[in-house]
N, C-alpha and C. Protein backbone atom coordinates (compact mmCIF):
# COMPACT_ATOMS: atom_id res chain seq x y z
N MET A 1 -34.53 29.60 -29.38
CA MET A 1 -35.09 29.80 -28.06
C MET A 1 -35.14 28.49 -27.27
N LYS A 2 -35.52 27.44 -27.96
CA LYS A 2 -35.62 26.13 -27.33
C LYS A 2 -34.25 25.67 -26.83
N SER A 3 -33.19 25.89 -27.60
CA SER A 3 -31.84 25.47 -27.19
C SER A 3 -31.34 26.28 -26.01
N ILE A 4 -31.71 27.56 -25.93
CA ILE A 4 -31.31 28.39 -24.79
C ILE A 4 -32.00 27.88 -23.53
N PHE A 5 -33.30 27.57 -23.63
CA PHE A 5 -34.03 27.03 -22.50
C PHE A 5 -33.39 25.72 -22.03
N TYR A 6 -33.06 24.83 -22.94
CA TYR A 6 -32.44 23.55 -22.61
C TYR A 6 -31.10 23.77 -21.91
N LEU A 7 -30.30 24.69 -22.42
CA LEU A 7 -28.99 24.98 -21.83
C LEU A 7 -29.15 25.53 -20.41
N LEU A 8 -30.05 26.48 -20.22
CA LEU A 8 -30.27 27.06 -18.90
C LEU A 8 -30.82 26.02 -17.92
N PHE A 9 -31.70 25.15 -18.41
CA PHE A 9 -32.28 24.12 -17.58
C PHE A 9 -31.25 23.08 -17.15
N SER A 10 -30.34 22.71 -18.05
CA SER A 10 -29.39 21.64 -17.76
C SER A 10 -28.08 22.13 -17.16
N LEU A 11 -27.81 23.42 -17.19
CA LEU A 11 -26.55 23.95 -16.66
C LEU A 11 -26.29 23.56 -15.20
N PRO A 12 -27.28 23.68 -14.32
CA PRO A 12 -27.00 23.26 -12.93
C PRO A 12 -26.61 21.79 -12.81
N TYR A 13 -27.23 20.95 -13.61
CA TYR A 13 -26.91 19.52 -13.56
C TYR A 13 -25.50 19.25 -14.07
N ILE A 14 -25.13 19.93 -15.12
CA ILE A 14 -23.78 19.77 -15.67
C ILE A 14 -22.75 20.29 -14.69
N ALA A 15 -23.01 21.45 -14.11
CA ALA A 15 -22.06 22.08 -13.19
C ALA A 15 -21.82 21.23 -11.95
N PHE A 16 -22.87 20.58 -11.42
CA PHE A 16 -22.72 19.83 -10.19
C PHE A 16 -22.46 18.35 -10.41
N SER A 17 -22.51 17.88 -11.62
CA SER A 17 -22.32 16.46 -11.87
C SER A 17 -20.84 16.08 -11.90
N GLN A 18 -19.98 17.04 -12.09
CA GLN A 18 -18.55 16.74 -12.16
C GLN A 18 -17.84 17.37 -10.99
N LEU A 19 -17.17 16.55 -10.21
CA LEU A 19 -16.39 17.06 -9.10
C LEU A 19 -15.00 17.41 -9.60
N SER A 20 -14.39 18.38 -8.95
CA SER A 20 -13.01 18.68 -9.30
C SER A 20 -12.14 17.51 -8.85
N LYS A 21 -10.95 17.44 -9.38
CA LYS A 21 -10.02 16.37 -9.01
C LYS A 21 -9.75 16.40 -7.51
N LYS A 22 -9.60 17.61 -6.95
CA LYS A 22 -9.32 17.75 -5.52
C LYS A 22 -10.53 17.30 -4.69
N ASP A 23 -11.75 17.67 -5.13
CA ASP A 23 -12.95 17.24 -4.40
C ASP A 23 -13.09 15.71 -4.46
N SER A 24 -12.80 15.12 -5.60
CA SER A 24 -12.88 13.67 -5.75
C SER A 24 -11.90 12.96 -4.83
N LEU A 25 -10.74 13.56 -4.64
CA LEU A 25 -9.72 12.97 -3.77
C LEU A 25 -10.25 12.78 -2.36
N TRP A 26 -11.06 13.73 -1.88
CA TRP A 26 -11.54 13.71 -0.51
C TRP A 26 -12.86 12.96 -0.33
N LEU A 27 -13.37 12.31 -1.37
CA LEU A 27 -14.64 11.59 -1.26
C LEU A 27 -14.67 10.57 -0.11
N PRO A 28 -13.60 9.83 0.16
CA PRO A 28 -13.67 8.88 1.29
C PRO A 28 -13.93 9.56 2.64
N PHE A 29 -13.69 10.87 2.72
CA PHE A 29 -13.83 11.59 3.98
C PHE A 29 -15.03 12.55 3.98
N LYS A 30 -15.86 12.51 2.94
CA LYS A 30 -16.96 13.48 2.83
C LYS A 30 -17.91 13.40 4.01
N ASP A 31 -18.13 12.22 4.56
CA ASP A 31 -19.05 12.06 5.69
C ASP A 31 -18.47 12.61 7.00
N PHE A 32 -17.17 12.84 7.04
CA PHE A 32 -16.52 13.32 8.26
C PHE A 32 -16.67 14.84 8.44
N ILE A 33 -16.74 15.59 7.34
CA ILE A 33 -16.71 17.04 7.39
C ILE A 33 -17.82 17.57 8.29
N GLY A 34 -17.44 18.41 9.26
CA GLY A 34 -18.42 19.02 10.15
C GLY A 34 -18.01 18.94 11.60
N GLU A 35 -18.96 19.30 12.45
CA GLU A 35 -18.77 19.32 13.91
C GLU A 35 -19.45 18.08 14.50
N TRP A 36 -18.77 17.45 15.46
CA TRP A 36 -19.24 16.20 16.04
C TRP A 36 -19.22 16.26 17.56
N LYS A 37 -20.05 15.45 18.18
CA LYS A 37 -20.10 15.32 19.64
C LYS A 37 -20.38 13.85 19.93
N GLY A 38 -19.80 13.35 21.03
CA GLY A 38 -20.05 11.96 21.35
C GLY A 38 -19.55 11.56 22.72
N THR A 39 -19.65 10.26 22.96
CA THR A 39 -19.19 9.69 24.22
C THR A 39 -18.36 8.45 23.91
N GLY A 40 -17.52 8.10 24.87
CA GLY A 40 -16.69 6.92 24.69
C GLY A 40 -16.18 6.40 26.01
N THR A 41 -15.57 5.23 25.92
CA THR A 41 -14.96 4.61 27.09
C THR A 41 -13.57 4.12 26.70
N GLY A 42 -12.76 3.92 27.72
CA GLY A 42 -11.43 3.42 27.45
C GLY A 42 -10.59 3.36 28.71
N VAL A 43 -9.32 3.29 28.51
CA VAL A 43 -8.37 3.16 29.61
C VAL A 43 -8.53 4.28 30.64
N ASP A 44 -8.84 5.48 30.20
CA ASP A 44 -8.99 6.63 31.10
C ASP A 44 -10.40 6.80 31.63
N GLY A 45 -11.30 5.85 31.34
CA GLY A 45 -12.67 5.91 31.84
C GLY A 45 -13.64 6.38 30.77
N GLU A 46 -14.74 6.97 31.24
CA GLU A 46 -15.77 7.47 30.33
C GLU A 46 -15.46 8.91 29.96
N GLY A 47 -15.64 9.22 28.67
CA GLY A 47 -15.33 10.57 28.22
C GLY A 47 -16.38 11.13 27.29
N SER A 48 -16.41 12.47 27.21
CA SER A 48 -17.26 13.14 26.24
C SER A 48 -16.34 13.79 25.20
N TYR A 49 -16.72 13.67 23.95
CA TYR A 49 -15.89 14.08 22.81
C TYR A 49 -16.49 15.27 22.09
N ASP A 50 -15.65 16.20 21.71
CA ASP A 50 -15.99 17.28 20.79
C ASP A 50 -14.96 17.23 19.68
N ARG A 51 -15.42 17.13 18.44
CA ARG A 51 -14.48 16.95 17.32
C ARG A 51 -14.96 17.74 16.13
N SER A 52 -14.00 18.18 15.31
CA SER A 52 -14.35 18.82 14.05
C SER A 52 -13.41 18.33 12.96
N TYR A 53 -13.95 18.25 11.75
CA TYR A 53 -13.21 17.90 10.54
C TYR A 53 -13.49 18.99 9.52
N ARG A 54 -12.43 19.58 8.95
CA ARG A 54 -12.65 20.59 7.91
C ARG A 54 -11.47 20.61 6.95
N LEU A 55 -11.79 20.84 5.69
CA LEU A 55 -10.76 20.97 4.67
C LEU A 55 -10.14 22.36 4.78
N ILE A 56 -8.80 22.42 4.72
CA ILE A 56 -8.10 23.69 4.87
C ILE A 56 -7.03 23.83 3.79
N LEU A 57 -6.48 25.04 3.71
CA LEU A 57 -5.38 25.35 2.80
C LEU A 57 -5.65 24.86 1.38
N ASN A 58 -6.70 25.42 0.79
CA ASN A 58 -7.07 25.12 -0.58
C ASN A 58 -7.43 23.63 -0.78
N LYS A 59 -8.03 23.05 0.24
CA LYS A 59 -8.46 21.64 0.22
C LYS A 59 -7.29 20.67 0.07
N ASN A 60 -6.11 21.07 0.54
CA ASN A 60 -4.96 20.17 0.50
C ASN A 60 -4.87 19.29 1.74
N TYR A 61 -5.56 19.69 2.82
CA TYR A 61 -5.46 18.97 4.08
C TYR A 61 -6.84 18.89 4.73
N LEU A 62 -7.04 17.81 5.45
CA LEU A 62 -8.22 17.66 6.29
C LEU A 62 -7.74 17.85 7.72
N GLU A 63 -8.22 18.91 8.38
CA GLU A 63 -7.84 19.19 9.75
C GLU A 63 -8.80 18.49 10.70
N VAL A 64 -8.25 17.86 11.73
CA VAL A 64 -9.03 17.13 12.72
C VAL A 64 -8.69 17.71 14.09
N LYS A 65 -9.67 18.31 14.75
CA LYS A 65 -9.48 18.82 16.10
C LYS A 65 -10.34 18.02 17.06
N ASN A 66 -9.75 17.60 18.17
CA ASN A 66 -10.46 16.77 19.12
C ASN A 66 -10.18 17.23 20.54
N ARG A 67 -11.23 17.21 21.35
CA ARG A 67 -11.10 17.43 22.80
C ARG A 67 -11.97 16.38 23.48
N THR A 68 -11.35 15.63 24.39
CA THR A 68 -12.07 14.62 25.14
C THR A 68 -11.95 14.96 26.62
N THR A 69 -13.07 14.99 27.30
CA THR A 69 -13.10 15.26 28.73
C THR A 69 -13.52 13.99 29.45
N TYR A 70 -12.61 13.49 30.29
CA TYR A 70 -12.89 12.27 31.05
C TYR A 70 -13.39 12.64 32.43
N ALA A 71 -14.43 11.97 32.86
CA ALA A 71 -15.02 12.20 34.17
C ALA A 71 -14.04 11.77 35.26
N PRO A 72 -14.18 12.33 36.45
CA PRO A 72 -13.34 11.88 37.57
C PRO A 72 -13.50 10.37 37.79
N SER A 73 -12.40 9.74 38.15
CA SER A 73 -12.41 8.31 38.41
C SER A 73 -11.46 8.03 39.57
N LYS A 74 -11.38 6.79 39.96
CA LYS A 74 -10.48 6.39 41.05
C LYS A 74 -9.03 6.73 40.68
N GLU A 75 -8.66 6.48 39.42
CA GLU A 75 -7.29 6.74 38.97
C GLU A 75 -7.04 8.24 38.75
N ASN A 76 -8.07 8.98 38.33
CA ASN A 76 -7.98 10.42 38.07
C ASN A 76 -9.11 11.14 38.82
N PRO A 77 -8.91 11.41 40.11
CA PRO A 77 -10.00 12.01 40.90
C PRO A 77 -10.47 13.37 40.37
N ASN A 78 -9.62 14.09 39.65
CA ASN A 78 -10.01 15.39 39.10
C ASN A 78 -10.50 15.30 37.67
N GLY A 79 -10.57 14.11 37.12
CA GLY A 79 -10.90 13.95 35.71
C GLY A 79 -9.66 14.21 34.87
N TYR A 80 -9.85 14.27 33.57
CA TYR A 80 -8.71 14.40 32.67
C TYR A 80 -9.19 14.96 31.35
N ASN A 81 -8.44 15.92 30.81
CA ASN A 81 -8.75 16.49 29.50
C ASN A 81 -7.67 16.09 28.51
N HIS A 82 -8.09 15.54 27.40
CA HIS A 82 -7.18 15.17 26.31
C HIS A 82 -7.52 16.04 25.11
N GLU A 83 -6.49 16.56 24.45
CA GLU A 83 -6.68 17.31 23.21
C GLU A 83 -5.69 16.79 22.18
N ASP A 84 -6.13 16.79 20.94
CA ASP A 84 -5.21 16.52 19.85
C ASP A 84 -5.67 17.27 18.62
N ILE A 85 -4.73 17.51 17.76
CA ILE A 85 -5.02 18.13 16.47
C ILE A 85 -4.28 17.31 15.42
N GLY A 86 -4.91 17.11 14.30
CA GLY A 86 -4.28 16.29 13.27
C GLY A 86 -4.55 16.83 11.89
N TYR A 87 -3.76 16.34 10.96
CA TYR A 87 -3.88 16.74 9.56
C TYR A 87 -3.75 15.50 8.70
N ILE A 88 -4.73 15.31 7.84
CA ILE A 88 -4.69 14.22 6.86
C ILE A 88 -4.33 14.84 5.53
N SER A 89 -3.36 14.24 4.86
CA SER A 89 -2.93 14.72 3.54
C SER A 89 -2.84 13.52 2.61
N TYR A 90 -2.74 13.81 1.33
CA TYR A 90 -2.59 12.75 0.34
C TYR A 90 -1.16 12.77 -0.16
N ASP A 91 -0.45 11.65 0.02
CA ASP A 91 0.92 11.50 -0.46
C ASP A 91 0.85 10.96 -1.89
N LYS A 92 1.12 11.83 -2.84
CA LYS A 92 1.01 11.46 -4.26
C LYS A 92 2.00 10.38 -4.66
N HIS A 93 3.19 10.39 -4.05
CA HIS A 93 4.21 9.40 -4.43
C HIS A 93 3.83 8.00 -3.96
N ARG A 94 3.29 7.91 -2.74
CA ARG A 94 2.90 6.60 -2.21
C ARG A 94 1.45 6.26 -2.54
N LYS A 95 0.72 7.25 -3.07
CA LYS A 95 -0.69 7.06 -3.43
C LYS A 95 -1.52 6.57 -2.24
N THR A 96 -1.36 7.28 -1.12
CA THR A 96 -2.12 6.95 0.07
C THR A 96 -2.29 8.20 0.93
N PHE A 97 -3.24 8.12 1.84
CA PHE A 97 -3.45 9.21 2.79
C PHE A 97 -2.55 9.00 4.00
N VAL A 98 -2.06 10.12 4.54
CA VAL A 98 -1.22 10.12 5.73
C VAL A 98 -1.89 11.00 6.77
N PHE A 99 -1.93 10.53 8.00
CA PHE A 99 -2.57 11.24 9.10
C PHE A 99 -1.52 11.52 10.16
N ARG A 100 -1.25 12.81 10.40
CA ARG A 100 -0.30 13.22 11.44
C ARG A 100 -1.10 13.82 12.58
N GLN A 101 -0.92 13.24 13.77
CA GLN A 101 -1.74 13.61 14.92
C GLN A 101 -0.82 14.07 16.06
N PHE A 102 -1.08 15.29 16.57
CA PHE A 102 -0.27 15.89 17.63
C PHE A 102 -1.12 15.93 18.89
N GLN A 103 -0.62 15.29 19.96
CA GLN A 103 -1.40 15.14 21.18
C GLN A 103 -0.85 16.00 22.31
N ILE A 104 -1.74 16.45 23.18
CA ILE A 104 -1.37 17.34 24.27
C ILE A 104 -0.32 16.69 25.20
N GLU A 105 -0.30 15.39 25.24
CA GLU A 105 0.68 14.69 26.09
C GLU A 105 2.08 14.68 25.49
N GLY A 106 2.23 15.20 24.26
CA GLY A 106 3.54 15.27 23.61
C GLY A 106 3.79 14.17 22.59
N PHE A 107 2.84 13.26 22.41
CA PHE A 107 3.00 12.20 21.41
C PHE A 107 2.64 12.75 20.04
N VAL A 108 3.37 12.30 19.03
CA VAL A 108 3.04 12.63 17.65
C VAL A 108 2.94 11.30 16.90
N ASN A 109 1.74 10.99 16.43
CA ASN A 109 1.52 9.75 15.69
C ASN A 109 1.47 10.07 14.20
N GLU A 110 2.19 9.30 13.42
CA GLU A 110 2.06 9.41 11.98
C GLU A 110 1.52 8.09 11.47
N TYR A 111 0.35 8.18 10.86
CA TYR A 111 -0.35 7.00 10.34
C TYR A 111 -0.39 7.04 8.82
N ARG A 112 -0.60 5.88 8.24
CA ARG A 112 -0.93 5.79 6.82
C ARG A 112 -2.25 5.03 6.73
N LEU A 113 -3.02 5.35 5.70
CA LEU A 113 -4.27 4.63 5.50
C LEU A 113 -3.93 3.21 5.06
N GLU A 114 -4.24 2.26 5.90
CA GLU A 114 -3.95 0.86 5.60
C GLU A 114 -5.04 0.23 4.74
N SER A 115 -6.29 0.56 5.05
CA SER A 115 -7.37 -0.04 4.27
C SER A 115 -8.61 0.86 4.33
N ILE A 116 -9.40 0.71 3.29
CA ILE A 116 -10.69 1.37 3.21
C ILE A 116 -11.64 0.39 2.55
N SER A 117 -12.80 0.20 3.15
CA SER A 117 -13.74 -0.77 2.61
C SER A 117 -14.28 -0.27 1.27
N SER A 118 -14.79 -1.19 0.48
CA SER A 118 -15.27 -0.84 -0.86
C SER A 118 -16.42 0.17 -0.81
N ASP A 119 -17.19 0.16 0.28
CA ASP A 119 -18.29 1.12 0.41
C ASP A 119 -17.86 2.42 1.10
N HIS A 120 -16.56 2.54 1.39
CA HIS A 120 -15.97 3.73 2.04
C HIS A 120 -16.51 3.94 3.45
N LYS A 121 -17.05 2.90 4.08
CA LYS A 121 -17.65 3.04 5.41
C LYS A 121 -16.68 2.67 6.55
N THR A 122 -15.59 1.98 6.24
CA THR A 122 -14.61 1.63 7.27
C THR A 122 -13.22 2.01 6.78
N LEU A 123 -12.55 2.87 7.55
CA LEU A 123 -11.20 3.32 7.23
C LEU A 123 -10.29 2.93 8.38
N VAL A 124 -9.13 2.38 8.06
CA VAL A 124 -8.18 1.95 9.08
C VAL A 124 -6.83 2.61 8.81
N PHE A 125 -6.34 3.34 9.80
CA PHE A 125 -5.02 3.95 9.75
C PHE A 125 -4.12 3.20 10.73
N VAL A 126 -2.89 2.89 10.30
CA VAL A 126 -1.91 2.26 11.19
C VAL A 126 -0.69 3.17 11.30
N SER A 127 -0.07 3.14 12.46
CA SER A 127 1.06 4.04 12.70
C SER A 127 2.29 3.60 11.93
N GLU A 128 2.98 4.59 11.42
CA GLU A 128 4.30 4.37 10.81
C GLU A 128 5.38 4.80 11.79
N SER A 129 5.05 5.77 12.63
CA SER A 129 5.98 6.20 13.67
C SER A 129 5.20 6.88 14.79
N ILE A 130 5.76 6.81 15.99
CA ILE A 130 5.18 7.50 17.14
C ILE A 130 6.35 8.17 17.87
N GLU A 131 6.27 9.48 17.97
CA GLU A 131 7.32 10.22 18.69
C GLU A 131 7.04 10.21 20.19
N ASN A 132 8.13 10.21 20.97
CA ASN A 132 8.09 10.36 22.42
C ASN A 132 7.46 9.18 23.15
N ILE A 133 7.71 8.00 22.62
CA ILE A 133 7.29 6.75 23.24
C ILE A 133 8.40 5.74 22.92
N PRO A 134 8.64 4.77 23.79
CA PRO A 134 9.70 3.80 23.48
C PRO A 134 9.50 3.11 22.12
N ALA A 135 10.58 2.76 21.50
CA ALA A 135 10.55 2.10 20.19
C ALA A 135 9.71 0.83 20.22
N GLY A 136 9.05 0.56 19.10
CA GLY A 136 8.30 -0.68 18.95
C GLY A 136 6.80 -0.57 19.21
N TRP A 137 6.36 0.51 19.82
CA TRP A 137 4.92 0.68 20.04
C TRP A 137 4.23 0.94 18.71
N ARG A 138 2.98 0.47 18.59
CA ARG A 138 2.18 0.69 17.38
C ARG A 138 0.81 1.20 17.78
N ALA A 139 0.19 1.97 16.88
CA ALA A 139 -1.16 2.48 17.12
C ALA A 139 -2.00 2.26 15.87
N ARG A 140 -3.31 2.17 16.10
CA ARG A 140 -4.24 1.97 14.98
C ARG A 140 -5.52 2.77 15.28
N GLU A 141 -5.98 3.49 14.27
CA GLU A 141 -7.25 4.24 14.34
C GLU A 141 -8.19 3.61 13.33
N THR A 142 -9.38 3.21 13.78
CA THR A 142 -10.39 2.65 12.90
C THR A 142 -11.64 3.52 12.99
N TYR A 143 -12.16 3.91 11.83
CA TYR A 143 -13.37 4.73 11.75
C TYR A 143 -14.42 3.94 10.98
N ILE A 144 -15.59 3.81 11.60
CA ILE A 144 -16.69 3.08 10.98
C ILE A 144 -17.86 4.05 10.84
N ILE A 145 -18.23 4.36 9.60
CA ILE A 145 -19.33 5.28 9.34
C ILE A 145 -20.63 4.48 9.38
N GLU A 146 -21.52 4.89 10.27
CA GLU A 146 -22.80 4.23 10.45
C GLU A 146 -23.92 5.19 10.08
N ASP A 147 -25.14 4.70 10.06
CA ASP A 147 -26.28 5.55 9.68
C ASP A 147 -26.42 6.76 10.59
N GLN A 148 -26.18 6.59 11.87
CA GLN A 148 -26.41 7.66 12.83
C GLN A 148 -25.15 8.44 13.23
N GLY A 149 -23.98 7.97 12.83
CA GLY A 149 -22.75 8.65 13.22
C GLY A 149 -21.50 7.86 12.87
N ILE A 150 -20.45 8.10 13.64
CA ILE A 150 -19.16 7.46 13.39
C ILE A 150 -18.69 6.77 14.67
N THR A 151 -18.29 5.51 14.54
CA THR A 151 -17.62 4.82 15.64
C THR A 151 -16.13 4.91 15.39
N GLU A 152 -15.39 5.28 16.43
CA GLU A 152 -13.94 5.37 16.34
C GLU A 152 -13.33 4.43 17.37
N GLU A 153 -12.37 3.65 16.94
CA GLU A 153 -11.65 2.76 17.85
C GLU A 153 -10.17 3.09 17.76
N PHE A 154 -9.56 3.29 18.92
CA PHE A 154 -8.12 3.57 18.99
C PHE A 154 -7.48 2.41 19.74
N ASP A 155 -6.55 1.75 19.08
CA ASP A 155 -5.86 0.59 19.66
C ASP A 155 -4.37 0.86 19.76
N LEU A 156 -3.74 0.32 20.81
CA LEU A 156 -2.30 0.41 21.00
C LEU A 156 -1.72 -0.98 21.14
N ALA A 157 -0.47 -1.14 20.72
CA ALA A 157 0.24 -2.42 20.87
C ALA A 157 1.63 -2.14 21.43
N GLU A 158 1.93 -2.79 22.53
CA GLU A 158 3.28 -2.73 23.08
C GLU A 158 4.20 -3.50 22.14
N PRO A 159 5.50 -3.25 22.24
CA PRO A 159 6.44 -3.98 21.38
C PRO A 159 6.25 -5.50 21.48
N GLY A 160 6.09 -6.15 20.34
CA GLY A 160 5.95 -7.60 20.28
C GLY A 160 4.61 -8.14 20.71
N LYS A 161 3.64 -7.27 20.98
CA LYS A 161 2.33 -7.73 21.44
C LYS A 161 1.25 -7.33 20.46
N GLU A 162 0.06 -7.91 20.65
CA GLU A 162 -1.09 -7.61 19.80
C GLU A 162 -1.74 -6.30 20.24
N TYR A 163 -2.54 -5.73 19.34
CA TYR A 163 -3.27 -4.50 19.66
C TYR A 163 -4.25 -4.75 20.80
N GLN A 164 -4.38 -3.75 21.67
CA GLN A 164 -5.37 -3.74 22.74
C GLN A 164 -6.23 -2.49 22.59
N LYS A 165 -7.52 -2.61 22.88
CA LYS A 165 -8.43 -1.47 22.78
C LYS A 165 -8.02 -0.43 23.82
N TYR A 166 -7.80 0.81 23.38
CA TYR A 166 -7.48 1.90 24.28
C TYR A 166 -8.71 2.78 24.49
N THR A 167 -9.39 3.13 23.40
CA THR A 167 -10.67 3.85 23.51
C THR A 167 -11.61 3.42 22.39
N ARG A 168 -12.88 3.60 22.68
CA ARG A 168 -13.94 3.38 21.67
C ARG A 168 -14.96 4.47 21.90
N ALA A 169 -15.29 5.19 20.84
CA ALA A 169 -16.22 6.31 20.96
C ALA A 169 -17.24 6.27 19.83
N PHE A 170 -18.38 6.88 20.09
CA PHE A 170 -19.40 7.04 19.07
C PHE A 170 -19.72 8.52 18.99
N LEU A 171 -19.63 9.08 17.77
CA LEU A 171 -19.82 10.52 17.53
C LEU A 171 -21.02 10.75 16.60
N VAL A 172 -21.78 11.80 16.89
CA VAL A 172 -22.88 12.21 16.02
C VAL A 172 -22.65 13.66 15.62
N LYS A 173 -23.16 14.02 14.46
CA LYS A 173 -23.04 15.41 14.00
C LYS A 173 -23.86 16.33 14.88
N LYS A 174 -23.29 17.49 15.15
CA LYS A 174 -24.00 18.49 15.95
C LYS A 174 -25.10 19.12 15.12
């Protein structure tokens, strides 16, 4: 009787103490999962962000949906809406994460995870290719997980030049 009680008592701890291999793979992104809202500034002015991150297709991909609404400005008197959808996958051969991002303007960015801090709080993706833009352009996405939310920085570099800040946003969970 005592051993049955011990087994029943410890079963939940045993069951939840071990993550599946697939769940372990996504640990660097565990803080991203969910619905987010935020604000940011950049080349197109001030914007409000709505974003979601969710694991899809048997946890093989992390889907990223984003909509940014920019307020009217001198350059865009009617304001501006930006949308993108992306998928992060794990490339087993290269042993790295790849982020493919499809933007409403027709650009397709393919990034690879360049670095992740030891505490998993800062992730940096750099572009490997960008479709529908002149050759030589580069892009970088940096995500910084903070106590209250996520800071995202998007940088672009013209051919032969250094990265320039394009947008910076801060997102909080809804």
